[in-house]
Amino acid sequence: PKINNYNLPRQCIRTYFPSRNCFVFPSPASPENMKRLESLQERDLVPDFLEVTSRFCNHILYNSVVKTVKGGHRVTGK
């Protein structure tokens, strides 16, 4: 039972999201700048973080399909 409980969340993810893409985001700023992350300018962020963020946003904008709920109703965010 302990192993099954451990693996249950993974199985649910595989079942409900059969097709998925994963993005690993590095830390957005140096440790000393993390304390003031909300006030940083984009130029103060780690370049690797910006690159992954750009790839993620492009994936969402160009590859993702519109989410729907039962009955085919499109999710608009309202």
N, C-alpha and C. Protein backbone atom coordinates (compact mmCIF):
# COMPACT_ATOMS: atom_id res chain seq x y z
N PRO A 1 0.82 -1.22 0.00
CA PRO A 1 0.00 0.00 0.00
C PRO A 1 0.86 1.27 0.00
N LYS A 2 1.98 1.26 0.71
CA LYS A 2 2.82 2.44 0.79
C LYS A 2 3.39 2.80 -0.59
N ILE A 3 3.82 1.80 -1.34
CA ILE A 3 4.36 2.04 -2.68
C ILE A 3 3.26 2.52 -3.62
N ASN A 4 2.08 1.90 -3.52
CA ASN A 4 0.95 2.32 -4.35
C ASN A 4 0.56 3.77 -4.07
N ASN A 5 0.53 4.16 -2.80
CA ASN A 5 0.21 5.55 -2.44
C ASN A 5 1.27 6.51 -2.97
N TYR A 6 2.50 6.06 -2.96
CA TYR A 6 3.60 6.89 -3.47
C TYR A 6 3.45 7.11 -4.98
N ASN A 7 3.07 6.06 -5.70
CA ASN A 7 2.98 6.12 -7.15
C ASN A 7 1.64 6.64 -7.67
N LEU A 8 0.62 6.72 -6.84
CA LEU A 8 -0.71 7.15 -7.28
C LEU A 8 -0.71 8.53 -7.95
N PRO A 9 -0.08 9.56 -7.38
CA PRO A 9 -0.08 10.86 -8.06
C PRO A 9 0.55 10.80 -9.45
N ARG A 10 1.62 10.02 -9.61
CA ARG A 10 2.27 9.89 -10.91
C ARG A 10 1.34 9.23 -11.93
N GLN A 11 0.63 8.19 -11.47
CA GLN A 11 -0.30 7.50 -12.35
C GLN A 11 -1.46 8.42 -12.75
N CYS A 12 -1.94 9.22 -11.82
CA CYS A 12 -3.01 10.17 -12.14
C CYS A 12 -2.55 11.19 -13.18
N ILE A 13 -1.35 11.69 -13.04
CA ILE A 13 -0.81 12.65 -14.01
C ILE A 13 -0.74 12.00 -15.38
N ARG A 14 -0.23 10.77 -15.45
CA ARG A 14 -0.14 10.07 -16.73
C ARG A 14 -1.52 9.83 -17.34
N THR A 15 -2.50 9.53 -16.49
CA THR A 15 -3.85 9.24 -16.98
C THR A 15 -4.55 10.50 -17.48
N TYR A 16 -4.50 11.57 -16.70
CA TYR A 16 -5.23 12.78 -17.04
C TYR A 16 -4.48 13.69 -18.02
N PHE A 17 -3.18 13.50 -18.12
CA PHE A 17 -2.37 14.30 -19.04
C PHE A 17 -1.49 13.36 -19.86
N PRO A 18 -2.10 12.63 -20.81
CA PRO A 18 -1.32 11.64 -21.57
C PRO A 18 -0.23 12.27 -22.44
N SER A 19 -0.44 13.49 -22.87
CA SER A 19 0.56 14.19 -23.66
C SER A 19 0.99 15.41 -22.85
N ARG A 20 2.26 15.52 -22.59
CA ARG A 20 2.72 16.64 -21.76
C ARG A 20 4.13 17.05 -22.17
N ASN A 21 4.45 18.30 -21.91
CA ASN A 21 5.78 18.84 -22.10
C ASN A 21 6.23 19.40 -20.77
N CYS A 22 7.48 19.19 -20.46
CA CYS A 22 8.00 19.67 -19.18
C CYS A 22 9.08 20.71 -19.44
N PHE A 23 9.08 21.74 -18.63
CA PHE A 23 10.09 22.79 -18.71
C PHE A 23 10.72 22.93 -17.33
N VAL A 24 12.03 22.91 -17.29
CA VAL A 24 12.75 23.07 -16.03
C VAL A 24 13.28 24.50 -15.98
N PHE A 25 12.75 25.26 -15.04
CA PHE A 25 13.14 26.66 -14.92
C PHE A 25 14.29 26.80 -13.92
N PRO A 26 15.40 27.39 -14.34
CA PRO A 26 16.46 27.69 -13.36
C PRO A 26 16.02 28.83 -12.46
N SER A 27 16.77 29.07 -11.43
CA SER A 27 16.46 30.18 -10.53
C SER A 27 16.44 31.48 -11.33
N PRO A 28 15.47 32.35 -11.11
CA PRO A 28 15.36 33.58 -11.89
C PRO A 28 16.40 34.65 -11.56
N ALA A 29 17.03 34.53 -10.39
CA ALA A 29 17.98 35.57 -9.99
C ALA A 29 19.02 34.97 -9.05
N SER A 30 20.05 35.73 -8.80
CA SER A 30 21.07 35.29 -7.84
C SER A 30 20.46 35.22 -6.45
N PRO A 31 21.05 34.43 -5.56
CA PRO A 31 20.48 34.31 -4.21
C PRO A 31 20.27 35.65 -3.51
N GLU A 32 21.19 36.57 -3.67
CA GLU A 32 21.03 37.87 -2.99
C GLU A 32 19.91 38.70 -3.61
N ASN A 33 19.60 38.48 -4.89
CA ASN A 33 18.51 39.23 -5.54
C ASN A 33 17.14 38.58 -5.36
N MET A 34 17.11 37.34 -4.91
CA MET A 34 15.83 36.66 -4.73
C MET A 34 14.96 37.35 -3.68
N LYS A 35 15.58 38.02 -2.73
CA LYS A 35 14.84 38.71 -1.67
C LYS A 35 14.00 39.86 -2.22
N ARG A 36 14.42 40.41 -3.35
CA ARG A 36 13.72 41.56 -3.93
C ARG A 36 13.26 41.25 -5.36
N LEU A 37 12.87 40.01 -5.59
CA LEU A 37 12.50 39.54 -6.92
C LEU A 37 11.40 40.39 -7.57
N GLU A 38 10.40 40.80 -6.80
CA GLU A 38 9.29 41.57 -7.36
C GLU A 38 9.73 42.91 -7.92
N SER A 39 10.81 43.46 -7.41
CA SER A 39 11.24 44.79 -7.86
C SER A 39 12.35 44.75 -8.90
N LEU A 40 12.79 43.56 -9.30
CA LEU A 40 13.86 43.45 -10.30
C LEU A 40 13.35 43.78 -11.69
N GLN A 41 14.23 44.34 -12.50
CA GLN A 41 13.94 44.57 -13.91
C GLN A 41 14.29 43.30 -14.68
N GLU A 42 13.77 43.16 -15.88
CA GLU A 42 14.07 41.97 -16.68
C GLU A 42 15.57 41.81 -16.91
N ARG A 43 16.28 42.91 -17.07
CA ARG A 43 17.73 42.84 -17.31
C ARG A 43 18.50 42.29 -16.11
N ASP A 44 17.85 42.28 -14.92
CA ASP A 44 18.48 41.77 -13.71
C ASP A 44 18.29 40.27 -13.53
N LEU A 45 17.47 39.66 -14.38
CA LEU A 45 17.19 38.22 -14.26
C LEU A 45 18.27 37.41 -14.96
N VAL A 46 18.42 36.17 -14.53
CA VAL A 46 19.42 35.26 -15.08
C VAL A 46 19.07 34.96 -16.54
N PRO A 47 20.03 35.09 -17.47
CA PRO A 47 19.75 34.83 -18.89
C PRO A 47 19.16 33.44 -19.16
N ASP A 48 19.63 32.41 -18.47
CA ASP A 48 19.08 31.07 -18.67
C ASP A 48 17.60 31.02 -18.30
N PHE A 49 17.21 31.73 -17.26
CA PHE A 49 15.81 31.78 -16.87
C PHE A 49 14.97 32.45 -17.96
N LEU A 50 15.47 33.54 -18.51
CA LEU A 50 14.75 34.24 -19.56
C LEU A 50 14.61 33.38 -20.81
N GLU A 51 15.63 32.59 -21.13
CA GLU A 51 15.58 31.73 -22.31
C GLU A 51 14.53 30.65 -22.14
N VAL A 52 14.50 29.99 -20.98
CA VAL A 52 13.50 28.95 -20.73
C VAL A 52 12.10 29.56 -20.70
N THR A 53 11.98 30.72 -20.11
CA THR A 53 10.69 31.41 -20.06
C THR A 53 10.18 31.72 -21.46
N SER A 54 11.06 32.15 -22.33
CA SER A 54 10.70 32.44 -23.71
C SER A 54 10.23 31.18 -24.43
N ARG A 55 10.95 30.08 -24.26
CA ARG A 55 10.55 28.81 -24.89
C ARG A 55 9.20 28.35 -24.36
N PHE A 56 8.98 28.49 -23.05
CA PHE A 56 7.71 28.10 -22.43
C PHE A 56 6.56 28.94 -23.00
N CYS A 57 6.73 30.24 -23.04
CA CYS A 57 5.67 31.12 -23.55
C CYS A 57 5.37 30.81 -25.02
N ASN A 58 6.41 30.59 -25.82
CA ASN A 58 6.19 30.24 -27.22
C ASN A 58 5.44 28.93 -27.35
N HIS A 59 5.76 27.97 -26.52
CA HIS A 59 5.05 26.69 -26.55
C HIS A 59 3.57 26.90 -26.23
N ILE A 60 3.29 27.66 -25.20
CA ILE A 60 1.91 27.91 -24.80
C ILE A 60 1.15 28.64 -25.91
N LEU A 61 1.77 29.66 -26.49
CA LEU A 61 1.10 30.47 -27.50
C LEU A 61 0.88 29.74 -28.82
N TYR A 62 1.83 28.90 -29.23
CA TYR A 62 1.77 28.32 -30.57
C TYR A 62 1.42 26.84 -30.62
N ASN A 63 1.56 26.11 -29.52
CA ASN A 63 1.34 24.66 -29.57
C ASN A 63 0.17 24.18 -28.73
N SER A 64 -0.25 24.96 -27.79
CA SER A 64 -1.32 24.52 -26.89
C SER A 64 -2.68 24.70 -27.54
N VAL A 65 -3.57 23.76 -27.23
CA VAL A 65 -4.94 23.88 -27.73
C VAL A 65 -5.79 24.57 -26.67
N VAL A 66 -6.87 25.16 -27.11
CA VAL A 66 -7.79 25.84 -26.19
C VAL A 66 -8.42 24.80 -25.27
N LYS A 67 -8.42 25.07 -24.00
CA LYS A 67 -9.01 24.16 -23.01
C LYS A 67 -10.53 24.23 -23.10
N THR A 68 -11.16 23.08 -22.91
CA THR A 68 -12.61 23.01 -22.92
C THR A 68 -13.09 22.23 -21.70
N VAL A 69 -14.33 22.46 -21.33
CA VAL A 69 -14.97 21.71 -20.25
C VAL A 69 -16.09 20.88 -20.87
N LYS A 70 -16.76 20.09 -20.05
CA LYS A 70 -17.82 19.22 -20.54
C LYS A 70 -18.77 19.98 -21.46
N GLY A 71 -19.13 19.36 -22.54
CA GLY A 71 -20.02 19.98 -23.51
C GLY A 71 -19.27 20.79 -24.56
N GLY A 72 -17.94 20.80 -24.50
CA GLY A 72 -17.15 21.51 -25.50
C GLY A 72 -17.06 23.00 -25.31
N HIS A 73 -17.44 23.48 -24.14
CA HIS A 73 -17.38 24.92 -23.87
C HIS A 73 -15.93 25.34 -23.66
N ARG A 74 -15.52 26.38 -24.40
CA ARG A 74 -14.14 26.88 -24.30
C ARG A 74 -13.92 27.63 -23.00
N VAL A 75 -12.79 27.40 -22.38
CA VAL A 75 -12.42 28.09 -21.15
C VAL A 75 -11.80 29.42 -21.56
N THR A 76 -12.41 30.52 -21.09
CA THR A 76 -11.95 31.85 -21.50
C THR A 76 -11.23 32.59 -20.37
N GLY A 77 -11.35 32.11 -19.15
CA GLY A 77 -10.73 32.79 -18.03
C GLY A 77 -11.68 33.73 -17.30
N LYS A 78 -12.88 33.91 -17.85
CA LYS A 78 -13.85 34.80 -17.18
C LYS A 78 -14.47 34.09 -16.00
